[in-house]
Amino acid sequence: MNTARDLAIVALDLAQDHRVEQGELSLALAAAEVFDLLDAGALTLAGDRIAPNAQAPTGDRLLDEAATALIRQEPYESVEDWLWRRGRGLSAAYVEDVEQTGIMSKSRGFRLPLRTARTVPGDPAARQRAEQRWTSREPLLAALGAAAGIGTEPAAPDPGEGAADTDTLTDDTSSAVLAALGNAVMELEAVRQRRAIEDAAFDNVWRGF
């Protein structure tokens, strides 16, 4: 299961009708890669530090690229530092990947940024799997989508229903990754707000002349 690619597919689907910010999506994709690499045994978490294991091909180009990019010297890299470093331009990389692999195809005249991109089906099976995870509110994908601004946090399941899935998000490792993602998203928004204030002040100065 490739959570990062499923998140990219969902984001592209929703981009037709919903504003998708590439910064938040890139951070969420980097976090999704951490979960995918954990599942593949390519890394472990020591507190908030990413400890790489021996490299082994995952069979996925972008995940193999992510595994290769892990810092292999102690004290290793914090999850949040990884999100910022790996996340730079990552949404564009996944958009290109799902198009090149035929999971989703560019529609004619595709020239628009992610937030208004239009796509047509390429690989129905992969797309259906991603959509099923999303519509069923699978906790991990839902949490990552919420951080990316394309959904809401998954609702708590009824007692006895979905308990195992919920547990996967409350263990120390999952909590550390999701907390780092939340911090990075808040920092990104704070940077945007500071820039908006600075731009507004600059405009006011020029109006005075």
N, C-alpha and C. Protein backbone atom coordinates (compact mmCIF):
# COMPACT_ATOMS: atom_id res chain seq x y z
N MET A 1 0.84 -1.19 0.00
CA MET A 1 0.00 0.00 0.00
C MET A 1 0.89 1.25 0.00
N ASN A 2 0.63 2.16 -0.92
CA ASN A 2 1.41 3.38 -1.02
C ASN A 2 0.54 4.56 -0.63
N THR A 3 0.69 4.99 0.62
CA THR A 3 -0.16 6.06 1.13
C THR A 3 0.15 7.39 0.46
N ALA A 4 1.43 7.64 0.18
CA ALA A 4 1.79 8.91 -0.46
C ALA A 4 1.14 9.02 -1.83
N ARG A 5 1.21 7.96 -2.62
CA ARG A 5 0.61 8.03 -3.96
C ARG A 5 -0.92 8.12 -3.86
N ASP A 6 -1.51 7.40 -2.93
CA ASP A 6 -2.97 7.50 -2.76
C ASP A 6 -3.37 8.92 -2.37
N LEU A 7 -2.58 9.57 -1.52
CA LEU A 7 -2.88 10.94 -1.14
C LEU A 7 -2.77 11.86 -2.36
N ALA A 8 -1.78 11.65 -3.21
CA ALA A 8 -1.63 12.47 -4.41
C ALA A 8 -2.82 12.29 -5.34
N ILE A 9 -3.29 11.04 -5.49
CA ILE A 9 -4.43 10.78 -6.36
C ILE A 9 -5.67 11.49 -5.82
N VAL A 10 -5.90 11.38 -4.53
CA VAL A 10 -7.06 12.04 -3.92
C VAL A 10 -6.97 13.55 -4.11
N ALA A 11 -5.78 14.12 -3.90
CA ALA A 11 -5.60 15.56 -4.04
C ALA A 11 -5.89 16.01 -5.47
N LEU A 12 -5.43 15.24 -6.45
CA LEU A 12 -5.68 15.59 -7.84
C LEU A 12 -7.16 15.50 -8.17
N ASP A 13 -7.83 14.50 -7.65
CA ASP A 13 -9.27 14.38 -7.86
C ASP A 13 -10.00 15.59 -7.28
N LEU A 14 -9.65 15.94 -6.05
CA LEU A 14 -10.34 17.03 -5.37
C LEU A 14 -9.94 18.39 -5.91
N ALA A 15 -8.78 18.48 -6.58
CA ALA A 15 -8.31 19.77 -7.10
C ALA A 15 -9.25 20.32 -8.16
N GLN A 16 -10.08 19.46 -8.73
CA GLN A 16 -11.02 19.92 -9.74
C GLN A 16 -12.07 20.86 -9.13
N ASP A 17 -12.41 20.63 -7.88
CA ASP A 17 -13.47 21.40 -7.24
C ASP A 17 -13.05 22.05 -5.93
N HIS A 18 -11.80 21.87 -5.54
CA HIS A 18 -11.37 22.32 -4.21
C HIS A 18 -9.96 22.87 -4.30
N ARG A 19 -9.73 24.00 -3.66
CA ARG A 19 -8.40 24.61 -3.65
C ARG A 19 -7.43 23.73 -2.87
N VAL A 20 -6.37 23.30 -3.53
CA VAL A 20 -5.35 22.48 -2.89
C VAL A 20 -4.04 23.25 -2.88
N GLU A 21 -3.55 23.57 -1.69
CA GLU A 21 -2.29 24.31 -1.56
C GLU A 21 -1.12 23.34 -1.70
N GLN A 22 -0.20 23.66 -2.58
CA GLN A 22 0.90 22.75 -2.85
C GLN A 22 1.85 22.63 -1.66
N GLY A 23 2.00 23.70 -0.86
CA GLY A 23 2.90 23.63 0.29
C GLY A 23 2.43 22.61 1.32
N GLU A 24 1.17 22.72 1.74
CA GLU A 24 0.63 21.77 2.71
C GLU A 24 0.62 20.35 2.16
N LEU A 25 0.27 20.22 0.88
CA LEU A 25 0.24 18.88 0.28
C LEU A 25 1.64 18.28 0.24
N SER A 26 2.65 19.08 -0.08
CA SER A 26 4.02 18.57 -0.12
C SER A 26 4.46 18.07 1.25
N LEU A 27 4.14 18.82 2.29
CA LEU A 27 4.49 18.38 3.65
C LEU A 27 3.76 17.09 4.01
N ALA A 28 2.48 16.99 3.65
CA ALA A 28 1.71 15.79 3.96
C ALA A 28 2.23 14.58 3.18
N LEU A 29 2.66 14.81 1.94
CA LEU A 29 3.23 13.71 1.16
C LEU A 29 4.54 13.22 1.77
N ALA A 30 5.36 14.14 2.26
CA ALA A 30 6.61 13.73 2.92
C ALA A 30 6.31 12.92 4.17
N ALA A 31 5.26 13.30 4.91
CA ALA A 31 4.87 12.52 6.09
C ALA A 31 4.34 11.15 5.68
N ALA A 32 3.56 11.11 4.59
CA ALA A 32 3.06 9.83 4.09
C ALA A 32 4.21 8.91 3.70
N GLU A 33 5.27 9.48 3.15
CA GLU A 33 6.44 8.66 2.79
C GLU A 33 7.09 8.04 4.03
N VAL A 34 7.08 8.78 5.14
CA VAL A 34 7.61 8.22 6.39
C VAL A 34 6.82 6.97 6.77
N PHE A 35 5.50 7.05 6.70
CA PHE A 35 4.67 5.88 7.03
C PHE A 35 4.93 4.74 6.04
N ASP A 36 5.05 5.06 4.75
CA ASP A 36 5.31 4.02 3.75
C ASP A 36 6.66 3.36 3.99
N LEU A 37 7.67 4.15 4.32
CA LEU A 37 9.00 3.59 4.56
C LEU A 37 9.06 2.82 5.88
N LEU A 38 8.26 3.22 6.85
CA LEU A 38 8.13 2.42 8.06
C LEU A 38 7.55 1.05 7.73
N ASP A 39 6.51 1.03 6.92
CA ASP A 39 5.89 -0.24 6.52
C ASP A 39 6.86 -1.11 5.74
N ALA A 40 7.72 -0.47 4.95
CA ALA A 40 8.68 -1.22 4.13
C ALA A 40 9.91 -1.64 4.92
N GLY A 41 10.00 -1.21 6.19
CA GLY A 41 11.15 -1.56 7.01
C GLY A 41 12.40 -0.78 6.66
N ALA A 42 12.24 0.34 5.92
CA ALA A 42 13.39 1.13 5.50
C ALA A 42 13.86 2.10 6.57
N LEU A 43 13.04 2.31 7.60
CA LEU A 43 13.42 3.20 8.69
C LEU A 43 12.66 2.83 9.94
N THR A 44 13.16 3.34 11.06
CA THR A 44 12.45 3.29 12.33
C THR A 44 12.51 4.69 12.92
N LEU A 45 11.70 4.92 13.94
CA LEU A 45 11.74 6.21 14.62
C LEU A 45 12.28 6.01 16.02
N ALA A 46 13.27 6.83 16.37
CA ALA A 46 13.81 6.86 17.73
C ALA A 46 13.42 8.21 18.31
N GLY A 47 12.30 8.23 19.03
CA GLY A 47 11.74 9.51 19.46
C GLY A 47 11.22 10.23 18.25
N ASP A 48 11.77 11.44 17.99
CA ASP A 48 11.35 12.18 16.80
C ASP A 48 12.43 12.12 15.72
N ARG A 49 13.37 11.19 15.86
CA ARG A 49 14.48 11.07 14.90
C ARG A 49 14.26 9.89 13.97
N ILE A 50 14.57 10.09 12.69
CA ILE A 50 14.41 9.05 11.69
C ILE A 50 15.70 8.25 11.60
N ALA A 51 15.65 6.99 12.01
CA ALA A 51 16.81 6.12 11.97
C ALA A 51 16.67 5.17 10.78
N PRO A 52 17.51 5.35 9.74
CA PRO A 52 17.38 4.50 8.55
C PRO A 52 17.88 3.10 8.79
N ASN A 53 17.25 2.14 8.15
CA ASN A 53 17.71 0.77 8.14
C ASN A 53 18.48 0.51 6.86
N ALA A 54 18.98 -0.70 6.69
CA ALA A 54 19.69 -1.04 5.47
C ALA A 54 18.78 -0.83 4.27
N GLN A 55 19.33 -0.21 3.23
CA GLN A 55 18.52 0.10 2.07
C GLN A 55 18.12 -1.17 1.32
N ALA A 56 16.86 -1.23 0.97
CA ALA A 56 16.34 -2.32 0.14
C ALA A 56 15.29 -1.72 -0.79
N PRO A 57 15.33 -2.04 -2.06
CA PRO A 57 14.38 -1.45 -3.00
C PRO A 57 12.93 -1.73 -2.59
N THR A 58 12.09 -0.70 -2.69
CA THR A 58 10.68 -0.86 -2.37
C THR A 58 9.86 -1.20 -3.60
N GLY A 59 10.47 -1.03 -4.78
CA GLY A 59 9.73 -1.24 -6.01
C GLY A 59 8.99 -0.01 -6.46
N ASP A 60 9.14 1.09 -5.72
CA ASP A 60 8.49 2.35 -6.05
C ASP A 60 9.57 3.41 -6.22
N ARG A 61 9.55 4.09 -7.35
CA ARG A 61 10.63 5.03 -7.67
C ARG A 61 10.75 6.16 -6.64
N LEU A 62 9.64 6.78 -6.30
CA LEU A 62 9.71 7.92 -5.39
C LEU A 62 10.05 7.48 -3.96
N LEU A 63 9.54 6.32 -3.54
CA LEU A 63 9.89 5.84 -2.21
C LEU A 63 11.36 5.43 -2.13
N ASP A 64 11.86 4.82 -3.21
CA ASP A 64 13.28 4.48 -3.23
C ASP A 64 14.13 5.75 -3.18
N GLU A 65 13.66 6.78 -3.88
CA GLU A 65 14.36 8.07 -3.84
C GLU A 65 14.35 8.64 -2.43
N ALA A 66 13.20 8.52 -1.76
CA ALA A 66 13.10 9.01 -0.38
C ALA A 66 14.03 8.24 0.54
N ALA A 67 14.07 6.92 0.39
CA ALA A 67 14.94 6.10 1.24
C ALA A 67 16.40 6.46 1.03
N THR A 68 16.78 6.72 -0.21
CA THR A 68 18.15 7.09 -0.51
C THR A 68 18.51 8.44 0.11
N ALA A 69 17.51 9.31 0.24
CA ALA A 69 17.75 10.66 0.75
C ALA A 69 17.85 10.73 2.27
N LEU A 70 17.55 9.63 2.97
CA LEU A 70 17.61 9.66 4.43
C LEU A 70 19.03 9.92 4.92
N ILE A 71 19.14 10.74 5.93
CA ILE A 71 20.45 11.02 6.54
C ILE A 71 20.85 9.82 7.39
N ARG A 72 22.06 9.32 7.17
CA ARG A 72 22.50 8.07 7.78
C ARG A 72 23.58 8.27 8.83
N GLN A 73 23.79 9.50 9.25
CA GLN A 73 24.75 9.75 10.32
C GLN A 73 24.00 10.22 11.57
N GLU A 74 24.39 9.70 12.72
CA GLU A 74 23.79 10.17 13.96
C GLU A 74 24.16 11.64 14.18
N PRO A 75 23.30 12.43 14.82
CA PRO A 75 22.09 12.01 15.53
C PRO A 75 20.86 11.85 14.64
N TYR A 76 21.06 11.71 13.35
CA TYR A 76 19.99 11.55 12.39
C TYR A 76 19.16 12.83 12.29
N GLU A 77 18.10 12.76 11.55
CA GLU A 77 17.28 13.93 11.25
C GLU A 77 15.94 13.83 11.96
N SER A 78 15.45 14.96 12.45
CA SER A 78 14.13 14.94 13.07
C SER A 78 13.07 14.80 11.98
N VAL A 79 11.91 14.32 12.37
CA VAL A 79 10.83 14.15 11.40
C VAL A 79 10.48 15.50 10.78
N GLU A 80 10.40 16.56 11.59
CA GLU A 80 10.00 17.85 11.05
C GLU A 80 11.04 18.38 10.07
N ASP A 81 12.32 18.20 10.36
CA ASP A 81 13.35 18.62 9.42
C ASP A 81 13.22 17.85 8.10
N TRP A 82 12.92 16.55 8.22
CA TRP A 82 12.71 15.75 7.02
C TRP A 82 11.54 16.28 6.20
N LEU A 83 10.45 16.64 6.85
CA LEU A 83 9.28 17.14 6.13
C LEU A 83 9.63 18.37 5.30
N TRP A 84 10.40 19.27 5.89
CA TRP A 84 10.77 20.49 5.16
C TRP A 84 11.74 20.18 4.03
N ARG A 85 12.72 19.32 4.29
CA ARG A 85 13.73 19.04 3.27
C ARG A 85 13.16 18.19 2.14
N ARG A 86 12.53 17.09 2.48
CA ARG A 86 11.97 16.20 1.47
C ARG A 86 10.75 16.81 0.79
N GLY A 87 10.00 17.61 1.55
CA GLY A 87 8.75 18.14 1.02
C GLY A 87 8.90 19.20 -0.06
N ARG A 88 10.07 19.79 -0.19
CA ARG A 88 10.24 20.86 -1.18
C ARG A 88 9.92 20.35 -2.59
N GLY A 89 8.84 20.87 -3.17
CA GLY A 89 8.44 20.50 -4.52
C GLY A 89 7.89 19.09 -4.67
N LEU A 90 7.57 18.43 -3.54
CA LEU A 90 7.18 17.03 -3.62
C LEU A 90 5.81 16.83 -4.27
N SER A 91 4.91 17.78 -4.09
CA SER A 91 3.59 17.63 -4.72
C SER A 91 3.73 17.59 -6.24
N ALA A 92 4.59 18.43 -6.79
CA ALA A 92 4.78 18.42 -8.25
C ALA A 92 5.39 17.10 -8.70
N ALA A 93 6.29 16.53 -7.90
CA ALA A 93 6.92 15.25 -8.25
C ALA A 93 5.88 14.15 -8.30
N TYR A 94 4.94 14.14 -7.34
CA TYR A 94 3.92 13.09 -7.33
C TYR A 94 2.89 13.29 -8.43
N VAL A 95 2.56 14.55 -8.75
CA VAL A 95 1.65 14.79 -9.87
C VAL A 95 2.27 14.23 -11.15
N GLU A 96 3.54 14.52 -11.37
CA GLU A 96 4.22 14.01 -12.56
C GLU A 96 4.27 12.48 -12.56
N ASP A 97 4.51 11.90 -11.38
CA ASP A 97 4.63 10.45 -11.29
C ASP A 97 3.33 9.75 -11.60
N VAL A 98 2.22 10.21 -11.05
CA VAL A 98 0.95 9.51 -11.31
C VAL A 98 0.52 9.68 -12.75
N GLU A 99 1.00 10.73 -13.41
CA GLU A 99 0.72 10.89 -14.84
C GLU A 99 1.60 9.96 -15.66
N GLN A 100 2.91 9.93 -15.35
CA GLN A 100 3.84 9.11 -16.12
C GLN A 100 3.55 7.62 -15.98
N THR A 101 3.08 7.21 -14.82
CA THR A 101 2.80 5.79 -14.61
C THR A 101 1.41 5.40 -15.09
N GLY A 102 0.65 6.37 -15.58
CA GLY A 102 -0.66 6.08 -16.13
C GLY A 102 -1.77 5.93 -15.12
N ILE A 103 -1.48 6.25 -13.84
CA ILE A 103 -2.54 6.18 -12.82
C ILE A 103 -3.59 7.23 -13.11
N MET A 104 -3.11 8.42 -13.48
CA MET A 104 -4.02 9.47 -13.93
C MET A 104 -3.35 10.14 -15.11
N SER A 105 -4.16 10.58 -16.06
CA SER A 105 -3.62 11.17 -17.28
C SER A 105 -3.97 12.65 -17.35
N LYS A 106 -3.06 13.40 -17.99
CA LYS A 106 -3.33 14.82 -18.17
C LYS A 106 -4.46 15.00 -19.18
N SER A 107 -5.36 15.91 -18.86
CA SER A 107 -6.39 16.22 -19.84
C SER A 107 -5.81 17.17 -20.88
N ARG A 108 -6.46 17.28 -21.99
CA ARG A 108 -5.96 18.11 -23.08
C ARG A 108 -5.82 19.55 -22.61
N GLY A 109 -4.72 20.18 -22.97
CA GLY A 109 -4.50 21.56 -22.58
C GLY A 109 -4.13 21.73 -21.13
N PHE A 110 -3.60 20.67 -20.51
CA PHE A 110 -3.23 20.73 -19.09
C PHE A 110 -2.09 21.71 -18.90
N ARG A 111 -2.39 22.89 -18.39
CA ARG A 111 -1.37 23.91 -18.18
C ARG A 111 -1.54 24.58 -16.82
N LEU A 112 -2.51 24.12 -16.05
CA LEU A 112 -2.89 24.84 -14.85
C LEU A 112 -2.15 24.31 -13.64
N PRO A 113 -1.98 25.14 -12.58
CA PRO A 113 -1.34 24.66 -11.35
C PRO A 113 -2.24 23.65 -10.66
N LEU A 114 -1.68 23.00 -9.63
CA LEU A 114 -2.37 21.91 -8.96
C LEU A 114 -3.75 22.31 -8.47
N ARG A 115 -3.89 23.51 -7.95
CA ARG A 115 -5.16 23.88 -7.32
C ARG A 115 -6.32 23.90 -8.32
N THR A 116 -6.05 24.01 -9.63
CA THR A 116 -7.13 24.00 -10.60
C THR A 116 -6.91 22.95 -11.68
N ALA A 117 -6.05 21.97 -11.40
CA ALA A 117 -5.74 20.96 -12.41
C ALA A 117 -6.96 20.08 -12.70
N ARG A 118 -7.12 19.67 -13.98
CA ARG A 118 -8.18 18.75 -14.37
C ARG A 118 -7.53 17.48 -14.88
N THR A 119 -8.02 16.33 -14.44
CA THR A 119 -7.43 15.07 -14.85
C THR A 119 -8.50 14.13 -15.35
N VAL A 120 -8.06 13.12 -16.08
CA VAL A 120 -8.97 12.07 -16.55
C VAL A 120 -8.38 10.74 -16.13
N PRO A 121 -9.19 9.68 -16.02
CA PRO A 121 -8.69 8.41 -15.50
C PRO A 121 -7.55 7.83 -16.34
N GLY A 122 -6.56 7.23 -15.67
CA GLY A 122 -5.46 6.56 -16.35
C GLY A 122 -5.43 5.09 -15.94
N ASP A 123 -5.29 4.82 -14.63
CA ASP A 123 -5.26 3.46 -14.10
C ASP A 123 -6.44 3.33 -13.13
N PRO A 124 -7.57 2.79 -13.58
CA PRO A 124 -8.76 2.74 -12.73
C PRO A 124 -8.56 2.01 -11.42
N ALA A 125 -7.78 0.91 -11.43
CA ALA A 125 -7.63 0.12 -10.20
C ALA A 125 -6.92 0.92 -9.11
N ALA A 126 -5.83 1.58 -9.46
CA ALA A 126 -5.10 2.37 -8.47
C ALA A 126 -5.95 3.54 -7.98
N ARG A 127 -6.65 4.16 -8.90
CA ARG A 127 -7.49 5.29 -8.52
C ARG A 127 -8.64 4.84 -7.62
N GLN A 128 -9.25 3.71 -7.95
CA GLN A 128 -10.35 3.20 -7.14
C GLN A 128 -9.89 2.85 -5.73
N ARG A 129 -8.67 2.28 -5.62
CA ARG A 129 -8.15 1.94 -4.29
C ARG A 129 -7.98 3.20 -3.45
N ALA A 130 -7.41 4.24 -4.05
CA ALA A 130 -7.21 5.49 -3.33
C ALA A 130 -8.55 6.10 -2.93
N GLU A 131 -9.50 6.09 -3.85
CA GLU A 131 -10.81 6.67 -3.56
C GLU A 131 -11.54 5.87 -2.48
N GLN A 132 -11.36 4.54 -2.50
CA GLN A 132 -12.02 3.72 -1.48
C GLN A 132 -11.45 4.03 -0.09
N ARG A 133 -10.13 4.18 -0.01
CA ARG A 133 -9.51 4.53 1.28
C ARG A 133 -10.03 5.88 1.75
N TRP A 134 -10.20 6.82 0.80
CA TRP A 134 -10.63 8.16 1.16
C TRP A 134 -12.10 8.19 1.58
N THR A 135 -12.96 7.59 0.78
CA THR A 135 -14.39 7.65 1.09
C THR A 135 -14.75 6.83 2.32
N SER A 136 -13.94 5.80 2.63
CA SER A 136 -14.18 5.01 3.84
C SER A 136 -13.60 5.69 5.08
N ARG A 137 -12.97 6.86 4.88
CA ARG A 137 -12.37 7.62 5.98
C ARG A 137 -11.31 6.77 6.70
N GLU A 138 -10.49 6.08 5.93
CA GLU A 138 -9.38 5.32 6.51
C GLU A 138 -8.54 6.30 7.33
N PRO A 139 -8.33 6.04 8.62
CA PRO A 139 -7.77 7.05 9.52
C PRO A 139 -6.47 7.70 9.08
N LEU A 140 -5.52 6.91 8.59
CA LEU A 140 -4.23 7.50 8.21
C LEU A 140 -4.38 8.45 7.04
N LEU A 141 -5.01 7.99 5.97
CA LEU A 141 -5.17 8.84 4.80
C LEU A 141 -6.02 10.07 5.14
N ALA A 142 -7.04 9.89 5.97
CA ALA A 142 -7.88 11.01 6.36
C ALA A 142 -7.09 12.04 7.16
N ALA A 143 -6.24 11.59 8.07
CA ALA A 143 -5.44 12.51 8.88
C ALA A 143 -4.45 13.29 8.02
N LEU A 144 -3.82 12.60 7.08
CA LEU A 144 -2.88 13.28 6.18
C LEU A 144 -3.62 14.26 5.27
N GLY A 145 -4.79 13.86 4.79
CA GLY A 145 -5.57 14.76 3.96
C GLY A 145 -6.00 16.00 4.71
N ALA A 146 -6.39 15.83 5.97
CA ALA A 146 -6.78 16.97 6.78
C ALA A 146 -5.62 17.94 6.95
N ALA A 147 -4.42 17.42 7.17
CA ALA A 147 -3.23 18.27 7.31
C ALA A 147 -2.95 19.01 6.01
N ALA A 148 -3.23 18.37 4.87
CA ALA A 148 -3.02 18.99 3.58
C ALA A 148 -4.13 19.96 3.21
N GLY A 149 -5.18 20.02 4.03
CA GLY A 149 -6.28 20.94 3.77
C GLY A 149 -7.30 20.42 2.79
N ILE A 150 -7.36 19.11 2.59
CA ILE A 150 -8.32 18.57 1.62
C ILE A 150 -9.36 17.67 2.29
N GLY A 151 -9.53 17.83 3.58
CA GLY A 151 -10.53 17.04 4.30
C GLY A 151 -10.53 17.44 5.75
N THR A 152 -11.26 16.70 6.54
CA THR A 152 -11.32 16.95 7.97
C THR A 152 -10.73 15.77 8.71
N GLU A 153 -10.38 15.97 9.96
CA GLU A 153 -9.84 14.88 10.76
C GLU A 153 -10.84 13.73 10.83
N PRO A 154 -10.38 12.49 10.78
CA PRO A 154 -11.31 11.36 10.84
C PRO A 154 -12.08 11.34 12.15
N ALA A 155 -13.37 11.07 12.03
CA ALA A 155 -14.19 11.01 13.24
C ALA A 155 -13.84 9.76 14.04
N ALA A 156 -14.03 9.86 15.35
CA ALA A 156 -13.78 8.70 16.21
C ALA A 156 -14.79 7.62 15.87
N PRO A 157 -14.36 6.37 15.72
CA PRO A 157 -15.30 5.30 15.36
C PRO A 157 -16.20 4.95 16.53
N ASP A 158 -17.32 4.30 16.21
CA ASP A 158 -18.18 3.79 17.26
C ASP A 158 -17.43 2.71 18.04
N PRO A 159 -17.76 2.52 19.33
CA PRO A 159 -17.07 1.48 20.10
C PRO A 159 -17.13 0.14 19.39
N GLY A 160 -15.99 -0.51 19.28
CA GLY A 160 -15.93 -1.83 18.64
C GLY A 160 -15.79 -1.78 17.14
N GLU A 161 -15.84 -0.57 16.53
CA GLU A 161 -15.72 -0.47 15.09
C GLU A 161 -14.48 0.32 14.74
N GLY A 162 -13.61 -0.27 13.92
CA GLY A 162 -12.42 0.43 13.45
C GLY A 162 -11.40 0.67 14.53
N ALA A 163 -11.45 -0.07 15.61
CA ALA A 163 -10.52 0.16 16.72
C ALA A 163 -9.09 -0.06 16.30
N ALA A 164 -8.84 -1.08 15.49
CA ALA A 164 -7.46 -1.37 15.09
C ALA A 164 -6.89 -0.24 14.26
N ASP A 165 -7.70 0.31 13.32
CA ASP A 165 -7.22 1.41 12.50
C ASP A 165 -6.90 2.63 13.34
N THR A 166 -7.76 2.91 14.32
CA THR A 166 -7.54 4.07 15.17
C THR A 166 -6.27 3.89 15.99
N ASP A 167 -6.03 2.67 16.46
CA ASP A 167 -4.82 2.41 17.24
C ASP A 167 -3.57 2.72 16.45
N THR A 168 -3.61 2.54 15.12
CA THR A 168 -2.42 2.80 14.32
C THR A 168 -2.04 4.27 14.32
N LEU A 169 -2.96 5.14 14.71
CA LEU A 169 -2.68 6.57 14.74
C LEU A 169 -2.38 7.08 16.15
N THR A 170 -2.51 6.22 17.14
CA THR A 170 -2.29 6.67 18.52
C THR A 170 -1.02 6.07 19.13
N ASP A 171 -0.33 5.21 18.40
CA ASP A 171 0.94 4.72 18.92
C ASP A 171 1.97 5.84 18.87
N ASP A 172 3.08 5.68 19.58
CA ASP A 172 4.06 6.76 19.70
C ASP A 172 4.64 7.17 18.35
N THR A 173 4.89 6.19 17.49
CA THR A 173 5.50 6.50 16.20
C THR A 173 4.56 7.34 15.34
N SER A 174 3.31 6.89 15.19
CA SER A 174 2.35 7.63 14.38
C SER A 174 2.10 9.02 14.97
N SER A 175 1.99 9.09 16.29
CA SER A 175 1.76 10.38 16.94
C SER A 175 2.90 11.35 16.68
N ALA A 176 4.13 10.83 16.69
CA ALA A 176 5.29 11.69 16.45
C ALA A 176 5.28 12.26 15.03
N VAL A 177 4.96 11.41 14.06
CA VAL A 177 4.94 11.87 12.66
C VAL A 177 3.83 12.88 12.45
N LEU A 178 2.63 12.59 12.94
CA LEU A 178 1.51 13.49 12.73
C LEU A 178 1.68 14.80 13.50
N ALA A 179 2.31 14.74 14.68
CA ALA A 179 2.57 15.97 15.43
C ALA A 179 3.56 16.85 14.68
N ALA A 180 4.61 16.24 14.12
CA ALA A 180 5.60 17.00 13.34
C ALA A 180 4.94 17.62 12.12
N LEU A 181 4.05 16.88 11.48
CA LEU A 181 3.33 17.41 10.32
C LEU A 181 2.47 18.59 10.72
N GLY A 182 1.75 18.46 11.83
CA GLY A 182 0.93 19.57 12.29
C GLY A 182 1.75 20.82 12.59
N ASN A 183 2.91 20.64 13.21
CA ASN A 183 3.78 21.78 13.51
C ASN A 183 4.28 22.44 12.23
N ALA A 184 4.66 21.62 11.24
CA ALA A 184 5.17 22.16 9.98
C ALA A 184 4.09 22.94 9.22
N VAL A 185 2.87 22.41 9.22
CA VAL A 185 1.77 23.10 8.54
C VAL A 185 1.48 24.44 9.22
N MET A 186 1.49 24.46 10.55
CA MET A 186 1.26 25.72 11.27
C MET A 186 2.37 26.72 10.98
N GLU A 187 3.61 26.24 10.91
CA GLU A 187 4.73 27.13 10.61
C GLU A 187 4.61 27.70 9.21
N LEU A 188 4.19 26.87 8.27
CA LEU A 188 4.01 27.34 6.90
C LEU A 188 2.95 28.44 6.84
N GLU A 189 1.86 28.26 7.55
CA GLU A 189 0.81 29.27 7.57
C GLU A 189 1.30 30.55 8.24
N ALA A 190 2.11 30.42 9.31
CA ALA A 190 2.65 31.59 9.97
C ALA A 190 3.57 32.37 9.03
N VAL A 191 4.37 31.66 8.23
CA VAL A 191 5.24 32.32 7.26
C VAL A 191 4.40 33.08 6.24
N ARG A 192 3.32 32.47 5.76
CA ARG A 192 2.44 33.14 4.80
C ARG A 192 1.85 34.41 5.40
N GLN A 193 1.42 34.34 6.64
CA GLN A 193 0.82 35.50 7.28
C GLN A 193 1.84 36.63 7.45
N ARG A 194 3.07 36.27 7.84
CA ARG A 194 4.11 37.29 7.97
C ARG A 194 4.39 37.97 6.64
N ARG A 195 4.46 37.16 5.58
CA ARG A 195 4.71 37.73 4.26
C ARG A 195 3.57 38.64 3.81
N ALA A 196 2.33 38.23 4.13
CA ALA A 196 1.19 39.06 3.76
C ALA A 196 1.25 40.40 4.48
N ILE A 197 1.62 40.38 5.76
CA ILE A 197 1.73 41.62 6.53
C ILE A 197 2.84 42.50 5.98
N GLU A 198 3.99 41.87 5.65
CA GLU A 198 5.11 42.64 5.10
C GLU A 198 4.77 43.23 3.74
N ASP A 199 4.07 42.45 2.91
CA ASP A 199 3.66 42.97 1.60
C ASP A 199 2.70 44.13 1.74
N ALA A 200 1.76 43.99 2.70
CA ALA A 200 0.79 45.07 2.91
C ALA A 200 1.49 46.34 3.40
N ALA A 201 2.46 46.18 4.30
CA ALA A 201 3.20 47.35 4.80
C ALA A 201 3.99 47.99 3.68
N PHE A 202 4.59 47.20 2.82
CA PHE A 202 5.35 47.73 1.68
C PHE A 202 4.44 48.53 0.76
N ASP A 203 3.23 47.98 0.48
CA ASP A 203 2.27 48.69 -0.37
C ASP A 203 1.88 50.01 0.24
N ASN A 204 1.70 50.04 1.57
CA ASN A 204 1.31 51.27 2.25
C ASN A 204 2.39 52.33 2.14
N VAL A 205 3.65 51.88 2.21
CA VAL A 205 4.76 52.84 2.06
C VAL A 205 4.72 53.49 0.70
N TRP A 206 4.52 52.69 -0.35
CA TRP A 206 4.50 53.24 -1.68
C TRP A 206 3.31 54.16 -1.91
N ARG A 207 2.19 53.87 -1.25
CA ARG A 207 1.03 54.76 -1.40
C ARG A 207 1.29 56.13 -0.79
N GLY A 208 2.28 56.20 0.12
CA GLY A 208 2.59 57.48 0.75
C GLY A 208 3.37 58.41 -0.14
N PHE A 209 3.91 57.88 -1.25
CA PHE A 209 4.70 58.74 -2.15
C PHE A 209 3.84 59.31 -3.25
